[in-house]
């Protein structure tokens, strides 16, 4: 099933789960992952964070502000590719 990244929010490092990654499947189901700067490190963080809509940074500023894919650390981009390939 095709999965596509639709938004990235960055809280600037205020929490371990700095990045909120929102995805949508070809069936229209949406879900989120949360990730630290290095999700594959033993003390890093990169895991499923829930089903549902995409958080709005204006409504929940503690979640973060939108950024572009190319602004993410390489390891977070790697996590995104793995999720999209599942």
Protein backbone atom coordinates (compact mmCIF):
# COMPACT_ATOMS: atom_id res chain seq x y z
CA UNK A 1 0.00 0.00 0.00
CA UNK A 2 1.42 3.39 -0.93
CA UNK A 3 2.07 5.75 1.98
CA UNK A 4 2.96 9.40 1.47
CA UNK A 5 4.43 11.99 3.83
CA UNK A 6 2.15 15.03 3.91
CA UNK A 7 3.53 17.25 6.67
CA UNK A 8 6.46 17.71 9.02
CA UNK A 9 6.35 19.74 12.22
CA UNK A 10 9.48 20.65 14.23
CA UNK A 11 9.28 21.84 17.83
CA UNK A 12 12.91 22.99 17.78
CA UNK A 13 14.13 20.31 20.16
CA UNK A 14 11.87 21.12 23.11
CA UNK A 15 11.10 17.40 23.52
CA UNK A 16 12.71 14.07 22.60
CA UNK A 17 10.03 13.59 19.95
CA UNK A 18 11.08 16.78 18.17
CA UNK A 19 9.54 15.94 14.79
CA UNK A 20 5.91 15.05 14.07
CA UNK A 21 5.62 13.28 10.71
CA UNK A 22 2.15 12.97 9.19
CA UNK A 23 1.35 10.41 6.51
CA UNK A 24 -1.61 9.33 4.42
CA UNK A 25 -2.17 5.98 2.73
CA UNK A 26 -3.68 5.42 -0.71
CA UNK A 27 -6.85 4.34 1.13
CA UNK A 28 -7.09 7.79 2.74
CA UNK A 29 -6.08 6.66 6.22
CA UNK A 30 -3.85 9.09 8.09
CA UNK A 31 -1.35 8.45 10.85
CA UNK A 32 1.61 10.10 12.56
CA UNK A 33 5.08 9.19 13.71
CA UNK A 34 7.21 11.09 16.20
CA UNK A 35 10.98 11.19 15.89
CA UNK A 36 14.08 12.55 17.54
CA UNK A 37 17.01 13.90 15.51
CA UNK A 38 18.52 10.39 15.30
CA UNK A 39 15.68 7.86 15.53
CA UNK A 40 17.97 4.85 14.96
CA UNK A 41 20.31 5.61 17.86
CA UNK A 42 19.72 3.40 20.95
CA UNK A 43 18.66 6.51 22.88
CA UNK A 44 16.83 7.99 19.91
CA UNK A 45 13.13 7.96 19.29
CA UNK A 46 11.12 7.09 16.19
CA UNK A 47 7.74 5.48 16.61
CA UNK A 48 4.08 5.45 15.70
CA UNK A 49 2.27 8.33 17.42
CA UNK A 50 -1.35 7.73 16.49
CA UNK A 51 -4.04 7.59 13.86
CA UNK A 52 -6.07 10.52 12.73
CA UNK A 53 -5.76 13.92 11.20
CA UNK A 54 -2.74 16.11 10.92
CA UNK A 55 -1.90 18.41 13.83
CA UNK A 56 -2.24 22.11 13.13
CA UNK A 57 0.71 24.13 14.41
CA UNK A 58 -1.55 27.15 14.95
CA UNK A 59 -3.78 25.11 17.24
CA UNK A 60 -0.99 23.20 19.02
CA UNK A 61 2.21 25.29 18.84
CA UNK A 62 3.99 22.93 21.26
CA UNK A 63 3.96 20.28 18.50
CA UNK A 64 6.03 22.52 16.27
CA UNK A 65 6.07 24.51 13.09
CA UNK A 66 6.12 23.28 9.49
CA UNK A 67 9.46 22.54 7.85
CA UNK A 68 10.51 20.98 4.55
CA UNK A 69 11.83 17.44 4.05
CA UNK A 70 15.30 18.67 3.00
CA UNK A 71 15.64 20.48 6.35
CA UNK A 72 15.45 17.21 8.32
CA UNK A 73 18.49 15.33 9.58
CA UNK A 74 19.54 12.47 7.28
CA UNK A 75 18.44 9.81 9.78
CA UNK A 76 14.90 11.22 10.01
CA UNK A 77 14.72 11.25 6.20
CA UNK A 78 15.79 7.59 6.30
CA UNK A 79 12.97 6.81 8.75
CA UNK A 80 10.47 8.48 6.42
CA UNK A 81 11.65 6.39 3.47
CA UNK A 82 11.24 3.22 5.53
CA UNK A 83 7.71 4.17 6.53
CA UNK A 84 6.74 5.04 2.96
CA UNK A 85 8.11 1.67 1.75
CA UNK A 86 6.22 -0.47 4.30
